[in-house]
PDB file of all heavy atoms in Angstrom:
ATOM      1  N   TYR A   1     -67.689 -23.104  20.144  1.00  0.00           N
ATOM      2  CA  TYR A   1     -68.520 -22.294  21.028  1.00  0.00           C
ATOM      3  C   TYR A   1     -69.109 -21.130  20.245  1.00  0.00           C
ATOM      4  O   TYR A   1     -68.533 -20.675  19.261  1.00  0.00           O
ATOM      5  CB  TYR A   1     -67.704 -21.743  22.204  1.00  0.00           C
ATOM      6  CG  TYR A   1     -67.171 -22.812  23.127  1.00  0.00           C
ATOM      7  CD1 TYR A   1     -65.992 -23.491  22.839  1.00  0.00           C
ATOM      8  CD2 TYR A   1     -67.864 -23.154  24.286  1.00  0.00           C
ATOM      9  CE1 TYR A   1     -65.511 -24.489  23.680  1.00  0.00           C
ATOM     10  CE2 TYR A   1     -67.387 -24.144  25.134  1.00  0.00           C
ATOM     11  CZ  TYR A   1     -66.220 -24.807  24.822  1.00  0.00           C
ATOM     12  OH  TYR A   1     -65.748 -25.799  25.655  1.00  0.00           O
ATOM     13  N   GLN A   2     -70.253 -20.653  20.709  1.00  0.00           N
ATOM     14  CA  GLN A   2     -70.865 -19.458  20.146  1.00  0.00           C
ATOM     15  C   GLN A   2     -70.539 -18.276  21.056  1.00  0.00           C
ATOM     16  O   GLN A   2     -70.795 -18.319  22.261  1.00  0.00           O
ATOM     17  CB  GLN A   2     -72.385 -19.633  20.047  1.00  0.00           C
ATOM     18  CG  GLN A   2     -72.813 -20.715  19.083  1.00  0.00           C
ATOM     19  CD  GLN A   2     -74.293 -21.046  19.224  1.00  0.00           C
ATOM     20  OE1 GLN A   2     -74.678 -22.211  19.236  1.00  0.00           O
ATOM     21  NE2 GLN A   2     -75.129 -20.009  19.323  1.00  0.00           N
ATOM     22  N   GLY A   3     -69.957 -17.251  20.457  1.00  0.00           N
ATOM     23  CA  GLY A   3     -69.582 -16.080  21.234  1.00  0.00           C
ATOM     24  C   GLY A   3     -70.773 -15.204  21.565  1.00  0.00           C
ATOM     25  O   GLY A   3     -71.675 -15.022  20.738  1.00  0.00           O
ATOM     26  N   GLN A   4     -70.787 -14.677  22.773  1.00  0.00           N
ATOM     27  CA  GLN A   4     -71.780 -13.700  23.196  1.00  0.00           C
ATOM     28  C   GLN A   4     -71.021 -12.461  23.676  1.00  0.00           C
ATOM     29  O   GLN A   4     -69.892 -12.220  23.280  1.00  0.00           O
ATOM     30  CB  GLN A   4     -72.651 -14.286  24.322  1.00  0.00           C
ATOM     31  CG  GLN A   4     -73.420 -15.539  23.952  1.00  0.00           C
ATOM     32  CD  GLN A   4     -74.349 -16.024  25.065  1.00  0.00           C
ATOM     33  OE1 GLN A   4     -74.153 -15.751  26.246  1.00  0.00           O
ATOM     34  NE2 GLN A   4     -75.392 -16.757  24.669  1.00  0.00           N
ATOM     35  N   THR A   5     -71.650 -11.671  24.472  1.00  0.00           N
ATOM     36  CA  THR A   5     -70.974 -10.661  25.281  1.00  0.00           C
ATOM     37  C   THR A   5     -71.605 -10.738  26.665  1.00  0.00           C
ATOM     38  O   THR A   5     -72.714 -11.275  26.792  1.00  0.00           O
ATOM     39  CB  THR A   5     -71.134  -9.218  24.713  1.00  0.00           C
ATOM     40  OG1 THR A   5     -72.495  -8.828  24.702  1.00  0.00           O
ATOM     41  CG2 THR A   5     -70.550  -9.112  23.321  1.00  0.00           C
ATOM     42  N   PRO A   6     -70.886 -10.272  27.697  1.00  0.00           N
ATOM     43  CA  PRO A   6     -69.740  -9.382  27.698  1.00  0.00           C
ATOM     44  C   PRO A   6     -68.438 -10.043  27.206  1.00  0.00           C
ATOM     45  O   PRO A   6     -68.271 -11.250  27.294  1.00  0.00           O
ATOM     46  CB  PRO A   6     -69.587  -8.985  29.172  1.00  0.00           C
ATOM     47  CG  PRO A   6     -70.886  -9.324  29.822  1.00  0.00           C
ATOM     48  CD  PRO A   6     -71.412 -10.483  29.071  1.00  0.00           C
ATOM     49  N   GLN A   7     -67.562  -9.168  26.713  1.00  0.00           N
ATOM     50  CA  GLN A   7     -66.147  -9.460  26.540  1.00  0.00           C
ATOM     51  C   GLN A   7     -65.413  -8.457  27.424  1.00  0.00           C
ATOM     52  O   GLN A   7     -65.718  -7.263  27.372  1.00  0.00           O
ATOM     53  CB  GLN A   7     -65.719  -9.294  25.081  1.00  0.00           C
ATOM     54  CG  GLN A   7     -66.356 -10.301  24.128  1.00  0.00           C
ATOM     55  CD  GLN A   7     -65.859 -10.117  22.706  1.00  0.00           C
ATOM     56  OE1 GLN A   7     -65.466  -9.021  22.291  1.00  0.00           O
ATOM     57  NE2 GLN A   7     -65.868 -11.190  21.944  1.00  0.00           N
ATOM     58  N   SER A   8     -64.489  -8.959  28.211  1.00  0.00           N
ATOM     59  CA  SER A   8     -63.862  -8.083  29.209  1.00  0.00           C
ATOM     60  C   SER A   8     -62.348  -8.098  29.070  1.00  0.00           C
ATOM     61  O   SER A   8     -61.762  -9.118  28.678  1.00  0.00           O
ATOM     62  CB  SER A   8     -64.282  -8.506  30.618  1.00  0.00           C
ATOM     63  OG  SER A   8     -65.698  -8.433  30.732  1.00  0.00           O
ATOM     64  N   PHE A   9     -61.730  -6.964  29.425  1.00  0.00           N
ATOM     65  CA  PHE A   9     -60.304  -6.791  29.146  1.00  0.00           C
ATOM     66  C   PHE A   9     -59.618  -5.917  30.196  1.00  0.00           C
ATOM     67  O   PHE A   9     -60.253  -5.031  30.784  1.00  0.00           O
ATOM     68  CB  PHE A   9     -60.115  -6.099  27.784  1.00  0.00           C
ATOM     69  CG  PHE A   9     -60.886  -6.708  26.664  1.00  0.00           C
ATOM     70  CD1 PHE A   9     -62.135  -6.206  26.321  1.00  0.00           C
ATOM     71  CD2 PHE A   9     -60.390  -7.793  25.966  1.00  0.00           C
ATOM     72  CE1 PHE A   9     -62.867  -6.771  25.288  1.00  0.00           C
ATOM     73  CE2 PHE A   9     -61.112  -8.356  24.935  1.00  0.00           C
ATOM     74  CZ  PHE A   9     -62.351  -7.852  24.591  1.00  0.00           C
ATOM     75  N   LYS A  10     -58.329  -6.164  30.383  1.00  0.00           N
ATOM     76  CA  LYS A  10     -57.473  -5.168  31.008  1.00  0.00           C
ATOM     77  C   LYS A  10     -57.304  -4.062  29.964  1.00  0.00           C
ATOM     78  O   LYS A  10     -56.786  -4.297  28.853  1.00  0.00           O
ATOM     79  CB  LYS A  10     -56.121  -5.765  31.383  1.00  0.00           C
ATOM     80  CG  LYS A  10     -56.182  -6.835  32.470  1.00  0.00           C
ATOM     81  CD  LYS A  10     -56.381  -6.226  33.845  1.00  0.00           C
ATOM     82  CE  LYS A  10     -56.446  -7.298  34.945  1.00  0.00           C
ATOM     83  NZ  LYS A  10     -55.287  -8.197  34.982  1.00  0.00           N
ATOM     84  N   ALA A  11     -57.765  -2.875  30.292  1.00  0.00           N
ATOM     85  CA  ALA A  11     -57.903  -1.819  29.292  1.00  0.00           C
ATOM     86  C   ALA A  11     -56.574  -1.405  28.660  1.00  0.00           C
ATOM     87  O   ALA A  11     -56.494  -1.202  27.445  1.00  0.00           O
ATOM     88  CB  ALA A  11     -58.592  -0.607  29.910  1.00  0.00           C
ATOM     89  N   THR A  12     -55.518  -1.280  29.464  1.00  0.00           N
ATOM     90  CA  THR A  12     -54.239  -0.831  28.904  1.00  0.00           C
ATOM     91  C   THR A  12     -53.650  -1.886  27.970  1.00  0.00           C
ATOM     92  O   THR A  12     -53.037  -1.544  26.960  1.00  0.00           O
ATOM     93  CB  THR A  12     -53.232  -0.490  30.012  1.00  0.00           C
ATOM     94  OG1 THR A  12     -53.080  -1.618  30.892  1.00  0.00           O
ATOM     95  CG2 THR A  12     -53.679   0.720  30.811  1.00  0.00           C
ATOM     96  N   LYS A  13     -53.847  -3.159  28.292  1.00  0.00           N
ATOM     97  CA  LYS A  13     -53.339  -4.230  27.427  1.00  0.00           C
ATOM     98  C   LYS A  13     -54.094  -4.237  26.089  1.00  0.00           C
ATOM     99  O   LYS A  13     -53.486  -4.358  25.022  1.00  0.00           O
ATOM    100  CB  LYS A  13     -53.492  -5.588  28.128  1.00  0.00           C
ATOM    101  CG  LYS A  13     -52.926  -6.775  27.356  1.00  0.00           C
ATOM    102  CD  LYS A  13     -51.411  -6.669  27.197  1.00  0.00           C
ATOM    103  CE  LYS A  13     -50.798  -7.909  26.562  1.00  0.00           C
ATOM    104  NZ  LYS A  13     -50.732  -9.044  27.495  1.00  0.00           N
ATOM    105  N   LEU A  14     -55.403  -4.083  26.152  1.00  0.00           N
ATOM    106  CA  LEU A  14     -56.190  -4.037  24.923  1.00  0.00           C
ATOM    107  C   LEU A  14     -55.764  -2.868  24.052  1.00  0.00           C
ATOM    108  O   LEU A  14     -55.581  -3.014  22.835  1.00  0.00           O
ATOM    109  CB  LEU A  14     -57.680  -3.919  25.265  1.00  0.00           C
ATOM    110  CG  LEU A  14     -58.636  -3.730  24.083  1.00  0.00           C
ATOM    111  CD1 LEU A  14     -58.576  -4.917  23.137  1.00  0.00           C
ATOM    112  CD2 LEU A  14     -60.058  -3.508  24.574  1.00  0.00           C
ATOM    113  N   LYS A  15     -55.589  -1.712  24.662  1.00  0.00           N
ATOM    114  CA  LYS A  15     -55.181  -0.528  23.903  1.00  0.00           C
ATOM    115  C   LYS A  15     -53.827  -0.740  23.235  1.00  0.00           C
ATOM    116  O   LYS A  15     -53.650  -0.433  22.040  1.00  0.00           O
ATOM    117  CB  LYS A  15     -55.126   0.685  24.829  1.00  0.00           C
ATOM    118  CG  LYS A  15     -54.703   1.976  24.131  1.00  0.00           C
ATOM    119  CD  LYS A  15     -54.550   3.118  25.123  1.00  0.00           C
ATOM    120  CE  LYS A  15     -54.085   4.378  24.395  1.00  0.00           C
ATOM    121  NZ  LYS A  15     -53.782   5.488  25.334  1.00  0.00           N
ATOM    122  N   ALA A  16     -52.867  -1.294  23.967  1.00  0.00           N
ATOM    123  CA  ALA A  16     -51.527  -1.511  23.416  1.00  0.00           C
ATOM    124  C   ALA A  16     -51.563  -2.496  22.254  1.00  0.00           C
ATOM    125  O   ALA A  16     -50.910  -2.283  21.219  1.00  0.00           O
ATOM    126  CB  ALA A  16     -50.583  -2.011  24.512  1.00  0.00           C
ATOM    127  N   LEU A  17     -52.318  -3.578  22.403  1.00  0.00           N
ATOM    128  CA  LEU A  17     -52.409  -4.572  21.329  1.00  0.00           C
ATOM    129  C   LEU A  17     -53.095  -3.999  20.097  1.00  0.00           C
ATOM    130  O   LEU A  17     -52.688  -4.253  18.962  1.00  0.00           O
ATOM    131  CB  LEU A  17     -53.158  -5.813  21.812  1.00  0.00           C
ATOM    132  CG  LEU A  17     -52.457  -6.679  22.865  1.00  0.00           C
ATOM    133  CD1 LEU A  17     -53.368  -7.834  23.277  1.00  0.00           C
ATOM    134  CD2 LEU A  17     -51.123  -7.216  22.343  1.00  0.00           C
ATOM    135  N   TYR A  18     -54.152  -3.226  20.317  1.00  0.00           N
ATOM    136  CA  TYR A  18     -54.883  -2.640  19.183  1.00  0.00           C
ATOM    137  C   TYR A  18     -53.987  -1.676  18.415  1.00  0.00           C
ATOM    138  O   TYR A  18     -53.975  -1.676  17.176  1.00  0.00           O
ATOM    139  CB  TYR A  18     -56.139  -1.925  19.677  1.00  0.00           C
ATOM    140  CG  TYR A  18     -56.961  -1.342  18.554  1.00  0.00           C
ATOM    141  CD1 TYR A  18     -57.738  -2.166  17.746  1.00  0.00           C
ATOM    142  CD2 TYR A  18     -56.963   0.030  18.288  1.00  0.00           C
ATOM    143  CE1 TYR A  18     -58.499  -1.638  16.707  1.00  0.00           C
ATOM    144  CE2 TYR A  18     -57.712   0.565  17.256  1.00  0.00           C
ATOM    145  CZ  TYR A  18     -58.477  -0.274  16.467  1.00  0.00           C
ATOM    146  OH  TYR A  18     -59.215   0.252  15.434  1.00  0.00           O
ATOM    147  N   GLU A  19     -53.246  -0.859  19.137  1.00  0.00           N
ATOM    148  CA  GLU A  19     -52.384   0.119  18.479  1.00  0.00           C
ATOM    149  C   GLU A  19     -51.219  -0.538  17.740  1.00  0.00           C
ATOM    150  O   GLU A  19     -50.630   0.069  16.839  1.00  0.00           O
ATOM    151  CB  GLU A  19     -51.871   1.129  19.501  1.00  0.00           C
ATOM    152  CG  GLU A  19     -52.968   2.042  20.032  1.00  0.00           C
ATOM    153  CD  GLU A  19     -52.505   2.980  21.129  1.00  0.00           C
ATOM    154  OE1 GLU A  19     -51.389   2.748  21.672  1.00  0.00           O
ATOM    155  OE2 GLU A  19     -53.246   3.932  21.454  1.00  0.00           O
ATOM    156  N   ALA A  20     -50.925  -1.802  18.106  1.00  0.00           N
ATOM    157  CA  ALA A  20     -49.835  -2.531  17.440  1.00  0.00           C
ATOM    158  C   ALA A  20     -50.310  -3.279  16.195  1.00  0.00           C
ATOM    159  O   ALA A  20     -49.485  -3.834  15.458  1.00  0.00           O
ATOM    160  CB  ALA A  20     -49.200  -3.513  18.421  1.00  0.00           C
ATOM    161  N   LEU A  21     -51.602  -3.309  15.949  1.00  0.00           N
ATOM    162  CA  LEU A  21     -52.129  -4.012  14.774  1.00  0.00           C
ATOM    163  C   LEU A  21     -51.778  -3.276  13.489  1.00  0.00           C
ATOM    164  O   LEU A  21     -51.723  -2.039  13.448  1.00  0.00           O
ATOM    165  CB  LEU A  21     -53.649  -4.133  14.864  1.00  0.00           C
ATOM    166  CG  LEU A  21     -54.247  -5.020  15.953  1.00  0.00           C
ATOM    167  CD1 LEU A  21     -55.766  -4.902  15.931  1.00  0.00           C
ATOM    168  CD2 LEU A  21     -53.821  -6.479  15.772  1.00  0.00           C
ATOM    169  N   THR A  22     -51.584  -4.034  12.426  1.00  0.00           N
ATOM    170  CA  THR A  22     -51.436  -3.433  11.101  1.00  0.00           C
ATOM    171  C   THR A  22     -52.821  -3.079  10.562  1.00  0.00           C
ATOM    172  O   THR A  22     -53.846  -3.551  11.082  1.00  0.00           O
ATOM    173  CB  THR A  22     -50.763  -4.409  10.129  1.00  0.00           C
ATOM    174  OG1 THR A  22     -51.632  -5.547   9.935  1.00  0.00           O
ATOM    175  CG2 THR A  22     -49.418  -4.890  10.675  1.00  0.00           C
ATOM    176  N   ASP A  23     -52.872  -2.277   9.513  1.00  0.00           N
ATOM    177  CA  ASP A  23     -54.154  -1.946   8.892  1.00  0.00           C
ATOM    178  C   ASP A  23     -54.832  -3.206   8.370  1.00  0.00           C
ATOM    179  O   ASP A  23     -56.064  -3.332   8.439  1.00  0.00           O
ATOM    180  CB  ASP A  23     -53.961  -0.949   7.756  1.00  0.00           C
ATOM    181  CG  ASP A  23     -53.581   0.437   8.259  1.00  0.00           C
ATOM    182  OD1 ASP A  23     -53.846   0.738   9.447  1.00  0.00           O
ATOM    183  OD2 ASP A  23     -53.017   1.220   7.469  1.00  0.00           O
ATOM    184  N   GLU A  24     -54.031  -4.141   7.856  1.00  0.00           N
ATOM    185  CA  GLU A  24     -54.591  -5.392   7.340  1.00  0.00           C
ATOM    186  C   GLU A  24     -55.217  -6.209   8.463  1.00  0.00           C
ATOM    187  O   GLU A  24     -56.285  -6.811   8.285  1.00  0.00           O
ATOM    188  CB  GLU A  24     -53.503  -6.215   6.637  1.00  0.00           C
ATOM    189  CG  GLU A  24     -52.985  -5.627   5.329  1.00  0.00           C
ATOM    190  CD  GLU A  24     -52.051  -4.450   5.534  1.00  0.00           C
ATOM    191  OE1 GLU A  24     -51.549  -4.258   6.676  1.00  0.00           O
ATOM    192  OE2 GLU A  24     -51.827  -3.695   4.559  1.00  0.00           O
ATOM    193  N   GLU A  25     -54.584  -6.230   9.628  1.00  0.00           N
ATOM    194  CA  GLU A  25     -55.139  -6.957  10.765  1.00  0.00           C
ATOM    195  C   GLU A  25     -56.424  -6.296  11.260  1.00  0.00           C
ATOM    196  O   GLU A  25     -57.390  -6.976  11.599  1.00  0.00           O
ATOM    197  CB  GLU A  25     -54.107  -7.037  11.893  1.00  0.00           C
ATOM    198  CG  GLU A  25     -52.963  -8.002  11.599  1.00  0.00           C
ATOM    199  CD  GLU A  25     -51.868  -7.942  12.644  1.00  0.00           C
ATOM    200  OE1 GLU A  25     -51.597  -6.832  13.168  1.00  0.00           O
ATOM    201  OE2 GLU A  25     -51.275  -8.995  12.946  1.00  0.00           O
ATOM    202  N   LYS A  26     -56.452  -4.975  11.281  1.00  0.00           N
ATOM    203  CA  LYS A  26     -57.656  -4.270  11.710  1.00  0.00           C
ATOM    204  C   LYS A  26     -58.832  -4.557  10.783  1.00  0.00           C
ATOM    205  O   LYS A  26     -59.976  -4.625  11.219  1.00  0.00           O
ATOM    206  CB  LYS A  26     -57.400  -2.765  11.795  1.00  0.00           C
ATOM    207  CG  LYS A  26     -56.505  -2.352  12.956  1.00  0.00           C
ATOM    208  CD  LYS A  26     -56.290  -0.846  12.997  1.00  0.00           C
ATOM    209  CE  LYS A  26     -55.388  -0.450  14.165  1.00  0.00           C
ATOM    210  NZ  LYS A  26     -55.124   1.009  14.212  1.00  0.00           N
ATOM    211  N   ASP A  27     -58.539  -4.764   9.499  1.00  0.00           N
ATOM    212  CA  ASP A  27     -59.597  -5.009   8.520  1.00  0.00           C
ATOM    213  C   ASP A  27     -60.301  -6.347   8.726  1.00  0.00           C
ATOM    214  O   ASP A  27     -61.439  -6.516   8.285  1.00  0.00           O
ATOM    215  CB  ASP A  27     -59.033  -4.962   7.097  1.00  0.00           C
ATOM    216  CG  ASP A  27     -58.734  -3.536   6.644  1.00  0.00           C
ATOM    217  OD1 ASP A  27     -59.271  -2.593   7.257  1.00  0.00           O
ATOM    218  OD2 ASP A  27     -57.956  -3.366   5.680  1.00  0.00           O
ATOM    219  N   ILE A  28     -59.631  -7.311   9.377  1.00  0.00           N
ATOM    220  CA  ILE A  28     -60.242  -8.633   9.539  1.00  0.00           C
ATOM    221  C   ILE A  28     -60.816  -8.835  10.945  1.00  0.00           C
ATOM    222  O   ILE A  28     -61.266  -9.927  11.278  1.00  0.00           O
ATOM    223  CB  ILE A  28     -59.238  -9.763   9.224  1.00  0.00           C
ATOM    224  CG1 ILE A  28     -58.061  -9.751  10.204  1.00  0.00           C
ATOM    225  CG2 ILE A  28     -58.759  -9.671   7.790  1.00  0.00           C
ATOM    226  CD1 ILE A  28     -57.155 -10.974  10.091  1.00  0.00           C
ATOM    227  N   LEU A  29     -60.829  -7.781  11.746  1.00  0.00           N
ATOM    228  CA  LEU A  29     -61.371  -7.905  13.103  1.00  0.00           C
ATOM    229  C   LEU A  29     -62.881  -8.091  13.070  1.00  0.00           C
ATOM    230  O   LEU A  29     -63.585  -7.444  12.306  1.00  0.00           O
ATOM    231  CB  LEU A  29     -61.043  -6.664  13.931  1.00  0.00           C
ATOM    232  CG  LEU A  29     -59.581  -6.450  14.311  1.00  0.00           C
ATOM    233  CD1 LEU A  29     -59.439  -5.140  15.080  1.00  0.00           C
ATOM    234  CD2 LEU A  29     -59.053  -7.600  15.136  1.00  0.00           C
ATOM    235  N   THR A  30     -63.361  -9.000  13.878  1.00  0.00           N
ATOM    236  CA  THR A  30     -64.798  -9.176  14.062  1.00  0.00           C
ATOM    237  C   THR A  30     -65.233  -8.701  15.441  1.00  0.00           C
ATOM    238  O   THR A  30     -66.380  -8.291  15.627  1.00  0.00           O
ATOM    239  CB  THR A  30     -65.194 -10.654  13.889  1.00  0.00           C
ATOM    240  OG1 THR A  30     -64.336 -11.468  14.712  1.00  0.00           O
ATOM    241  CG2 THR A  30     -65.036 -11.078  12.431  1.00  0.00           C
ATOM    242  N   ASP A  31     -64.340  -8.769  16.402  1.00  0.00           N
ATOM    243  CA  ASP A  31     -64.626  -8.280  17.746  1.00  0.00           C
ATOM    244  C   ASP A  31     -63.304  -8.013  18.452  1.00  0.00           C
ATOM    245  O   ASP A  31     -62.227  -8.225  17.893  1.00  0.00           O
ATOM    246  CB  ASP A  31     -65.500  -9.260  18.535  1.00  0.00           C
ATOM    247  CG  ASP A  31     -64.839 -10.607  18.758  1.00  0.00           C
ATOM    248  OD1 ASP A  31     -63.603 -10.712  18.609  1.00  0.00           O
ATOM    249  OD2 ASP A  31     -65.552 -11.566  19.099  1.00  0.00           O
ATOM    250  N   ALA A  32     -63.380  -7.549  19.684  1.00  0.00           N
ATOM    251  CA  ALA A  32     -62.161  -7.165  20.403  1.00  0.00           C
ATOM    252  C   ALA A  32     -61.330  -8.365  20.829  1.00  0.00           C
ATOM    253  O   ALA A  32     -60.102  -8.281  20.912  1.00  0.00           O
ATOM    254  CB  ALA A  32     -62.522  -6.300  21.604  1.00  0.00           C
ATOM    255  N   CYS A  33     -61.969  -9.506  21.100  1.00  0.00           N
ATOM    256  CA  CYS A  33     -61.197 -10.685  21.504  1.00  0.00           C
ATOM    257  C   CYS A  33     -60.238 -11.135  20.409  1.00  0.00           C
ATOM    258  O   CYS A  33     -59.169 -11.677  20.692  1.00  0.00           O
ATOM    259  CB  CYS A  33     -62.133 -11.833  21.882  1.00  0.00           C
ATOM    260  SG  CYS A  33     -62.840 -11.675  23.543  1.00  0.00           S
ATOM    261  N   LYS A  34     -60.618 -10.896  19.163  1.00  0.00           N
ATOM    262  CA  LYS A  34     -59.748 -11.313  18.059  1.00  0.00           C
ATOM    263  C   LYS A  34     -58.425 -10.557  18.069  1.00  0.00           C
ATOM    264  O   LYS A  34     -57.411 -11.045  17.563  1.00  0.00           O
ATOM    265  CB  LYS A  34     -60.452 -11.138  16.715  1.00  0.00           C
ATOM    266  CG  LYS A  34     -59.725 -11.823  15.566  1.00  0.00           C
ATOM    267  CD  LYS A  34     -60.616 -12.053  14.370  1.00  0.00           C
ATOM    268  CE  LYS A  34     -59.892 -12.854  13.311  1.00  0.00           C
ATOM    269  NZ  LYS A  34     -60.772 -13.191  12.165  1.00  0.00           N
ATOM    270  N   ILE A  35     -58.409  -9.361  18.655  1.00  0.00           N
ATOM    271  CA  ILE A  35     -57.156  -8.615  18.790  1.00  0.00           C
ATOM    272  C   ILE A  35     -56.155  -9.435  19.587  1.00  0.00           C
ATOM    273  O   ILE A  35     -54.981  -9.559  19.219  1.00  0.00           O
ATOM    274  CB  ILE A  35     -57.418  -7.261  19.484  1.00  0.00           C
ATOM    275  CG1 ILE A  35     -58.357  -6.401  18.631  1.00  0.00           C
ATOM    276  CG2 ILE A  35     -56.105  -6.526  19.753  1.00  0.00           C
ATOM    277  CD1 ILE A  35     -58.886  -5.168  19.357  1.00  0.00           C
ATOM    278  N   PHE A  36     -56.625 -10.024  20.690  1.00  0.00           N
ATOM    279  CA  PHE A  36     -55.750 -10.855  21.526  1.00  0.00           C
ATOM    280  C   PHE A  36     -55.338 -12.128  20.784  1.00  0.00           C
ATOM    281  O   PHE A  36     -54.180 -12.547  20.852  1.00  0.00           O
ATOM    282  CB  PHE A  36     -56.460 -11.205  22.833  1.00  0.00           C
ATOM    283  CG  PHE A  36     -56.431 -10.109  23.854  1.00  0.00           C
ATOM    284  CD1 PHE A  36     -57.233  -8.984  23.713  1.00  0.00           C
ATOM    285  CD2 PHE A  36     -55.594 -10.175  24.960  1.00  0.00           C
ATOM    286  CE1 PHE A  36     -57.209  -7.962  24.639  1.00  0.00           C
ATOM    287  CE2 PHE A  36     -55.556  -9.171  25.896  1.00  0.00           C
ATOM    288  CZ  PHE A  36     -56.371  -8.051  25.738  1.00  0.00           C
ATOM    289  N   VAL A  37     -56.286 -12.742  20.080  1.00  0.00           N
ATOM    290  CA  VAL A  37     -55.992 -13.973  19.353  1.00  0.00           C
ATOM    291  C   VAL A  37     -54.942 -13.725  18.268  1.00  0.00           C
ATOM    292  O   VAL A  37     -53.999 -14.513  18.102  1.00  0.00           O
ATOM    293  CB  VAL A  37     -57.282 -14.559  18.744  1.00  0.00           C
ATOM    294  CG1 VAL A  37     -56.962 -15.757  17.853  1.00  0.00           C
ATOM    295  CG2 VAL A  37     -58.256 -14.972  19.847  1.00  0.00           C
ATOM    296  N   LEU A  38     -55.078 -12.627  17.538  1.00  0.00           N
ATOM    297  CA  LEU A  38     -54.119 -12.307  16.475  1.00  0.00           C
ATOM    298  C   LEU A  38     -52.711 -12.124  17.025  1.00  0.00           C
ATOM    299  O   LEU A  38     -51.723 -12.423  16.344  1.00  0.00           O
ATOM    300  CB  LEU A  38     -54.546 -11.031  15.748  1.00  0.00           C
ATOM    301  CG  LEU A  38     -55.726 -11.135  14.778  1.00  0.00           C
ATOM    302  CD1 LEU A  38     -56.127  -9.747  14.290  1.00  0.00           C
ATOM    303  CD2 LEU A  38     -55.381 -12.029  13.590  1.00  0.00           C
ATOM    304  N   LYS A  39     -52.609 -11.652  18.251  1.00  0.00           N
ATOM    305  CA  LYS A  39     -51.307 -11.392  18.859  1.00  0.00           C
ATOM    306  C   LYS A  39     -50.837 -12.537  19.754  1.00  0.00           C
ATOM    307  O   LYS A  39     -49.856 -12.399  20.489  1.00  0.00           O
ATOM    308  CB  LYS A  39     -51.351 -10.084  19.655  1.00  0.00           C
ATOM    309  CG  LYS A  39     -51.560  -8.846  18.783  1.00  0.00           C
ATOM    310  CD  LYS A  39     -50.483  -8.739  17.708  1.00  0.00           C
ATOM    311  CE  LYS A  39     -50.635  -7.496  16.856  1.00  0.00           C
ATOM    312  NZ  LYS A  39     -49.615  -7.421  15.777  1.00  0.00           N
ATOM    313  N   GLY A  40     -51.541 -13.678  19.678  1.00  0.00           N
ATOM    314  CA  GLY A  40     -51.107 -14.853  20.424  1.00  0.00           C
ATOM    315  C   GLY A  40     -51.331 -14.774  21.916  1.00  0.00           C
ATOM    316  O   GLY A  40     -50.677 -15.481  22.687  1.00  0.00           O
ATOM    317  N   GLU A  41     -52.268 -13.943  22.346  1.00  0.00           N
ATOM    318  CA  GLU A  41     -52.554 -13.776  23.766  1.00  0.00           C
ATOM    319  C   GLU A  41     -53.734 -14.654  24.179  1.00  0.00           C
ATOM    320  O   GLU A  41     -54.651 -14.904  23.393  1.00  0.00           O
ATOM    321  CB  GLU A  41     -52.882 -12.313  24.076  1.00  0.00           C
ATOM    322  CG  GLU A  41     -51.760 -11.332  23.756  1.00  0.00           C
ATOM    323  CD  GLU A  41     -50.659 -11.336  24.797  1.00  0.00           C
ATOM    324  OE1 GLU A  41     -50.904 -11.856  25.907  1.00  0.00           O
ATOM    325  OE2 GLU A  41     -49.574 -10.805  24.513  1.00  0.00           O
ATOM    326  N   GLU A  42     -53.736 -15.093  25.435  1.00  0.00           N
ATOM    327  CA  GLU A  42     -54.811 -15.945  25.931  1.00  0.00           C
ATOM    328  C   GLU A  42     -56.103 -15.151  26.152  1.00  0.00           C
ATOM    329  O   GLU A  42     -56.068 -14.022  26.620  1.00  0.00           O
ATOM    330  CB  GLU A  42     -54.412 -16.601  27.257  1.00  0.00           C
ATOM    331  CG  GLU A  42     -53.397 -17.719  27.121  1.00  0.00           C
ATOM    332  CD  GLU A  42     -53.195 -18.449  28.438  1.00  0.00           C
ATOM    333  OE1 GLU A  42     -53.171 -17.770  29.486  1.00  0.00           O
ATOM    334  OE2 GLU A  42     -53.065 -19.690  28.418  1.00  0.00           O
ATOM    335  N   VAL A  43     -57.218 -15.807  25.821  1.00  0.00           N
ATOM    336  CA  VAL A  43     -58.550 -15.274  26.121  1.00  0.00           C
ATOM    337  C   VAL A  43     -59.305 -16.361  26.873  1.00  0.00           C
ATOM    338  O   VAL A  43     -59.560 -17.444  26.339  1.00  0.00           O
ATOM    339  CB  VAL A  43     -59.318 -14.889  24.838  1.00  0.00           C
ATOM    340  CG1 VAL A  43     -60.711 -14.366  25.197  1.00  0.00           C
ATOM    341  CG2 VAL A  43     -58.546 -13.855  24.026  1.00  0.00           C
ATOM    342  N   ALA A  44     -59.648 -16.085  28.112  1.00  0.00           N
ATOM    343  CA  ALA A  44     -60.355 -17.075  28.933  1.00  0.00           C
ATOM    344  C   ALA A  44     -61.832 -17.114  28.559  1.00  0.00           C
ATOM    345  O   ALA A  44     -62.376 -16.168  27.972  1.00  0.00           O
ATOM    346  CB  ALA A  44     -60.198 -16.738  30.410  1.00  0.00           C
ATOM    347  N   LEU A  45     -62.497 -18.223  28.907  1.00  0.00           N
ATOM    348  CA  LEU A  45     -63.911 -18.396  28.617  1.00  0.00           C
ATOM    349  C   LEU A  45     -64.747 -18.228  29.878  1.00  0.00           C
ATOM    350  O   LEU A  45     -64.373 -18.681  30.952  1.00  0.00           O
ATOM    351  CB  LEU A  45     -64.181 -19.782  28.020  1.00  0.00           C
ATOM    352  CG  LEU A  45     -63.448 -20.138  26.721  1.00  0.00           C
ATOM    353  CD1 LEU A  45     -63.877 -21.527  26.255  1.00  0.00           C
ATOM    354  CD2 LEU A  45     -63.716 -19.096  25.643  1.00  0.00           C
TER     355      LEU A  45
END
């Protein structure tokens, strides 16, 4: 699939996952959905 936007999130969950990322993980982020993917969380389409 080709990603577009919007990308939507439960804000507190996104914040918690982002703050739990390592610096190395933050360096490979392309968008916010990847935060969930890196942490094994589901992202609906």
